[in-house]
Structure formats: structure tokens, C-alpha cells
Amino acid sequence: MSFLAFLVLGLICGAIAKMIMPGEHGGGWITTLILGVVGAILGGWIGAVVFNVGMAGFWSLQSWILAIVGSAIVLFVFGLVSHGGHRRVSH
């Protein structure tokens, strides 16, 4: 997978992770891009270690699933770190 394709995959998967995770998520598209790229790397690592599969190609469903799961994990951890472990409750 080329570097540009990996960035596009990260941006899209980061946006999907923000949509499926509950709660309010800050940050613009650059934060989403970084979140998605780190999530894709994490997802590829988890896939290689746990399931003995890795990131295949840009159009591979397994790459997208691994990247989305990894992005959701990174988003969860980012939410804990950035909010100090507390969720903001609106009244």
C-alpha cells in the first residue's frame, strides 16, 4: 500500500471510528487523520499478532476492518487521556 493510500485509509477509518464511538469527539480533520493512521498501524499489529493476518491492500476488507477497530481503540484511549478519564455530561 502506498503512503498516500495509507493516509486516505487512515482519514476515512478515523472518521468512521468517530461516527461509531459514542460521545463527543473534538479535533478536526488533522486529528482524525492522525487518529486513523495510528489506529491503522495498531489494527495491523493486532491482526498480525492475534489473528496472523495483516494489512493487505487498500481495497481489502480485512485492511479496512483492522484499521477501523484500531482507530476505535485509539479514539477510546485518546478520549480517556484528553478528558482525564471523565466524560462531559450536558444538562
N, C-alpha and C. Protein backbone atom coordinates (compact mmCIF):
# COMPACT_ATOMS: atom_id res chain seq x y z
N MET A 1 0.86 -1.17 0.00
CA MET A 1 0.00 0.00 0.00
C MET A 1 0.90 1.23 0.00
N SER A 2 0.61 2.17 -0.85
CA SER A 2 1.42 3.38 -0.93
C SER A 2 1.16 4.29 0.29
N PHE A 3 2.06 5.23 0.48
CA PHE A 3 1.94 6.15 1.61
C PHE A 3 0.67 6.99 1.51
N LEU A 4 0.35 7.48 0.32
CA LEU A 4 -0.85 8.28 0.13
C LEU A 4 -2.11 7.46 0.39
N ALA A 5 -2.13 6.22 -0.09
CA ALA A 5 -3.28 5.35 0.15
C ALA A 5 -3.44 5.07 1.64
N PHE A 6 -2.32 4.92 2.34
CA PHE A 6 -2.37 4.68 3.79
C PHE A 6 -2.93 5.89 4.51
N LEU A 7 -2.57 7.11 4.07
CA LEU A 7 -3.13 8.32 4.67
C LEU A 7 -4.64 8.43 4.43
N VAL A 8 -5.07 8.11 3.22
CA VAL A 8 -6.50 8.15 2.90
C VAL A 8 -7.25 7.12 3.73
N LEU A 9 -6.69 5.92 3.83
CA LEU A 9 -7.29 4.87 4.66
C LEU A 9 -7.41 5.34 6.10
N GLY A 10 -6.35 5.95 6.62
CA GLY A 10 -6.37 6.44 8.00
C GLY A 10 -7.40 7.52 8.22
N LEU A 11 -7.52 8.45 7.28
CA LEU A 11 -8.50 9.54 7.41
C LEU A 11 -9.93 9.00 7.40
N ILE A 12 -10.22 8.11 6.49
CA ILE A 12 -11.58 7.56 6.39
C ILE A 12 -11.90 6.69 7.60
N CYS A 13 -10.96 5.84 8.00
CA CYS A 13 -11.20 4.95 9.15
C CYS A 13 -11.28 5.73 10.45
N GLY A 14 -10.51 6.80 10.58
CA GLY A 14 -10.63 7.66 11.75
C GLY A 14 -11.99 8.33 11.83
N ALA A 15 -12.51 8.77 10.68
CA ALA A 15 -13.84 9.37 10.64
C ALA A 15 -14.92 8.35 10.97
N ILE A 16 -14.77 7.14 10.46
CA ILE A 16 -15.75 6.08 10.76
C ILE A 16 -15.71 5.75 12.26
N ALA A 17 -14.51 5.68 12.84
CA ALA A 17 -14.39 5.39 14.28
C ALA A 17 -15.06 6.49 15.09
N LYS A 18 -14.91 7.76 14.68
CA LYS A 18 -15.57 8.85 15.40
C LYS A 18 -17.09 8.74 15.30
N MET A 19 -17.60 8.23 14.17
CA MET A 19 -19.05 8.09 13.99
C MET A 19 -19.61 6.95 14.84
N ILE A 20 -18.87 5.85 14.96
CA ILE A 20 -19.43 4.69 15.66
C ILE A 20 -19.19 4.73 17.17
N MET A 21 -18.21 5.50 17.62
CA MET A 21 -17.94 5.59 19.06
C MET A 21 -18.89 6.61 19.69
N PRO A 22 -19.52 6.26 20.81
CA PRO A 22 -20.42 7.21 21.46
C PRO A 22 -19.67 8.36 22.10
N GLY A 23 -20.34 9.47 22.27
CA GLY A 23 -19.75 10.62 22.93
C GLY A 23 -19.33 11.70 21.96
N GLU A 24 -18.87 12.79 22.54
CA GLU A 24 -18.43 13.93 21.76
C GLU A 24 -16.92 13.86 21.56
N HIS A 25 -16.49 13.97 20.31
CA HIS A 25 -15.07 13.87 19.98
C HIS A 25 -14.62 15.17 19.35
N GLY A 26 -13.63 15.77 19.92
CA GLY A 26 -13.11 17.02 19.38
C GLY A 26 -12.08 16.75 18.31
N GLY A 27 -11.54 17.82 17.79
CA GLY A 27 -10.48 17.70 16.79
C GLY A 27 -11.03 17.82 15.40
N GLY A 28 -10.22 18.32 14.54
CA GLY A 28 -10.58 18.48 13.14
C GLY A 28 -10.09 17.32 12.30
N TRP A 29 -9.91 17.60 11.03
CA TRP A 29 -9.54 16.52 10.11
C TRP A 29 -8.10 16.08 10.31
N ILE A 30 -7.22 16.96 10.79
CA ILE A 30 -5.84 16.54 11.03
C ILE A 30 -5.78 15.57 12.21
N THR A 31 -6.53 15.87 13.26
CA THR A 31 -6.61 14.95 14.40
C THR A 31 -7.20 13.62 13.97
N THR A 32 -8.23 13.68 13.14
CA THR A 32 -8.86 12.45 12.64
C THR A 32 -7.88 11.66 11.79
N LEU A 33 -7.09 12.35 10.97
CA LEU A 33 -6.08 11.69 10.14
C LEU A 33 -5.04 10.99 11.00
N ILE A 34 -4.52 11.69 12.01
CA ILE A 34 -3.51 11.10 12.89
C ILE A 34 -4.09 9.92 13.66
N LEU A 35 -5.31 10.10 14.18
CA LEU A 35 -6.00 9.03 14.89
C LEU A 35 -6.16 7.80 13.99
N GLY A 36 -6.58 8.02 12.75
CA GLY A 36 -6.79 6.92 11.83
C GLY A 36 -5.52 6.21 11.43
N VAL A 37 -4.45 6.97 11.20
CA VAL A 37 -3.17 6.36 10.81
C VAL A 37 -2.60 5.54 11.97
N VAL A 38 -2.62 6.12 13.17
CA VAL A 38 -2.15 5.37 14.34
C VAL A 38 -3.04 4.14 14.57
N GLY A 39 -4.36 4.32 14.37
CA GLY A 39 -5.28 3.20 14.51
C GLY A 39 -5.05 2.11 13.48
N ALA A 40 -4.73 2.50 12.25
CA ALA A 40 -4.45 1.51 11.21
C ALA A 40 -3.18 0.73 11.54
N ILE A 41 -2.17 1.43 12.06
CA ILE A 41 -0.94 0.74 12.46
C ILE A 41 -1.23 -0.23 13.61
N LEU A 42 -1.99 0.26 14.61
CA LEU A 42 -2.35 -0.60 15.74
C LEU A 42 -3.19 -1.79 15.27
N GLY A 43 -4.17 -1.52 14.41
CA GLY A 43 -5.01 -2.61 13.90
C GLY A 43 -4.22 -3.64 13.12
N GLY A 44 -3.27 -3.19 12.31
CA GLY A 44 -2.41 -4.12 11.58
C GLY A 44 -1.55 -4.95 12.51
N TRP A 45 -1.05 -4.32 13.58
CA TRP A 45 -0.25 -5.05 14.55
C TRP A 45 -1.09 -6.08 15.29
N ILE A 46 -2.29 -5.68 15.74
CA ILE A 46 -3.19 -6.61 16.43
C ILE A 46 -3.56 -7.77 15.51
N GLY A 47 -3.87 -7.45 14.26
CA GLY A 47 -4.22 -8.50 13.31
C GLY A 47 -3.08 -9.49 13.10
N ALA A 48 -1.84 -8.97 13.05
CA ALA A 48 -0.69 -9.86 12.85
C ALA A 48 -0.41 -10.72 14.07
N VAL A 49 -0.55 -10.13 15.26
CA VAL A 49 -0.23 -10.87 16.48
C VAL A 49 -1.34 -11.85 16.87
N VAL A 50 -2.58 -11.39 16.83
CA VAL A 50 -3.69 -12.21 17.33
C VAL A 50 -4.24 -13.16 16.27
N PHE A 51 -4.46 -12.64 15.04
CA PHE A 51 -5.14 -13.43 14.01
C PHE A 51 -4.21 -13.93 12.91
N ASN A 52 -2.93 -13.58 12.98
CA ASN A 52 -1.95 -13.96 11.97
C ASN A 52 -2.31 -13.44 10.58
N VAL A 53 -2.93 -12.26 10.54
CA VAL A 53 -3.21 -11.56 9.28
C VAL A 53 -2.74 -10.12 9.45
N GLY A 54 -2.46 -9.46 8.38
CA GLY A 54 -2.01 -8.08 8.45
C GLY A 54 -2.76 -7.22 7.45
N MET A 55 -2.26 -6.02 7.28
CA MET A 55 -2.85 -5.11 6.31
C MET A 55 -2.50 -5.63 4.92
N ALA A 56 -3.50 -5.82 4.10
CA ALA A 56 -3.27 -6.36 2.76
C ALA A 56 -3.13 -5.20 1.77
N GLY A 57 -4.18 -4.85 1.12
CA GLY A 57 -4.17 -3.75 0.16
C GLY A 57 -5.24 -2.74 0.51
N PHE A 58 -5.26 -1.65 -0.23
CA PHE A 58 -6.22 -0.58 0.04
C PHE A 58 -7.66 -1.09 -0.11
N TRP A 59 -7.93 -1.91 -1.06
CA TRP A 59 -9.30 -2.38 -1.32
C TRP A 59 -9.63 -3.66 -0.56
N SER A 60 -8.76 -4.11 0.32
CA SER A 60 -9.00 -5.33 1.08
C SER A 60 -9.92 -5.03 2.27
N LEU A 61 -10.97 -5.81 2.41
CA LEU A 61 -11.90 -5.65 3.52
C LEU A 61 -11.20 -5.88 4.85
N GLN A 62 -10.27 -6.82 4.91
CA GLN A 62 -9.55 -7.09 6.15
C GLN A 62 -8.74 -5.87 6.58
N SER A 63 -8.15 -5.14 5.65
CA SER A 63 -7.40 -3.92 5.99
C SER A 63 -8.33 -2.87 6.59
N TRP A 64 -9.49 -2.70 6.00
CA TRP A 64 -10.44 -1.69 6.49
C TRP A 64 -10.96 -2.06 7.87
N ILE A 65 -11.29 -3.31 8.09
CA ILE A 65 -11.80 -3.73 9.40
C ILE A 65 -10.72 -3.56 10.47
N LEU A 66 -9.50 -3.98 10.18
CA LEU A 66 -8.41 -3.83 11.14
C LEU A 66 -8.16 -2.35 11.44
N ALA A 67 -8.19 -1.51 10.42
CA ALA A 67 -7.94 -0.08 10.62
C ALA A 67 -9.06 0.58 11.42
N ILE A 68 -10.30 0.20 11.18
CA ILE A 68 -11.42 0.78 11.92
C ILE A 68 -11.38 0.35 13.39
N VAL A 69 -11.12 -0.92 13.64
CA VAL A 69 -11.03 -1.41 15.02
C VAL A 69 -9.87 -0.74 15.74
N GLY A 70 -8.73 -0.65 15.08
CA GLY A 70 -7.59 0.03 15.68
C GLY A 70 -7.87 1.49 15.95
N SER A 71 -8.56 2.16 15.03
CA SER A 71 -8.91 3.58 15.22
C SER A 71 -9.88 3.76 16.37
N ALA A 72 -10.82 2.84 16.52
CA ALA A 72 -11.76 2.92 17.64
C ALA A 72 -11.03 2.76 18.97
N ILE A 73 -10.06 1.87 19.03
CA ILE A 73 -9.28 1.68 20.25
C ILE A 73 -8.47 2.94 20.56
N VAL A 74 -7.82 3.50 19.54
CA VAL A 74 -7.03 4.72 19.74
C VAL A 74 -7.93 5.87 20.16
N LEU A 75 -9.11 5.98 19.55
CA LEU A 75 -10.05 7.04 19.92
C LEU A 75 -10.51 6.90 21.37
N PHE A 76 -10.76 5.69 21.81
CA PHE A 76 -11.15 5.44 23.19
C PHE A 76 -10.05 5.88 24.15
N VAL A 77 -8.82 5.47 23.88
CA VAL A 77 -7.70 5.84 24.74
C VAL A 77 -7.47 7.35 24.69
N PHE A 78 -7.57 7.95 23.51
CA PHE A 78 -7.41 9.39 23.36
C PHE A 78 -8.46 10.13 24.18
N GLY A 79 -9.69 9.63 24.19
CA GLY A 79 -10.76 10.24 24.98
C GLY A 79 -10.48 10.16 26.47
N LEU A 80 -9.93 9.03 26.92
CA LEU A 80 -9.59 8.90 28.33
C LEU A 80 -8.46 9.86 28.72
N VAL A 81 -7.46 9.96 27.88
CA VAL A 81 -6.31 10.81 28.18
C VAL A 81 -6.67 12.29 28.09
N SER A 82 -7.40 12.67 27.05
CA SER A 82 -7.68 14.09 26.84
C SER A 82 -8.73 14.64 27.80
N HIS A 83 -9.61 13.81 28.31
CA HIS A 83 -10.63 14.26 29.26
C HIS A 83 -10.31 13.86 30.69
N GLY A 84 -9.14 13.34 30.92
CA GLY A 84 -8.75 12.95 32.27
C GLY A 84 -9.57 11.80 32.82
N GLY A 85 -10.16 10.99 31.94
CA GLY A 85 -10.95 9.85 32.38
C GLY A 85 -12.39 10.20 32.71
N HIS A 86 -12.77 11.47 32.60
CA HIS A 86 -14.13 11.88 32.92
C HIS A 86 -14.88 12.24 31.65
N ARG A 87 -16.09 11.81 31.56
CA ARG A 87 -16.96 12.17 30.45
C ARG A 87 -17.68 13.47 30.79
N ARG A 88 -17.83 14.29 29.80
CA ARG A 88 -18.56 15.55 29.99
C ARG A 88 -20.05 15.27 29.87
N VAL A 89 -20.81 15.67 30.87
CA VAL A 89 -22.25 15.46 30.89
C VAL A 89 -22.94 16.79 30.65
N SER A 90 -23.82 16.82 29.67
CA SER A 90 -24.55 18.07 29.40
C SER A 90 -25.92 17.99 30.07
N HIS A 91 -26.37 19.11 30.58
CA HIS A 91 -27.67 19.15 31.28
C HIS A 91 -28.68 19.84 30.43
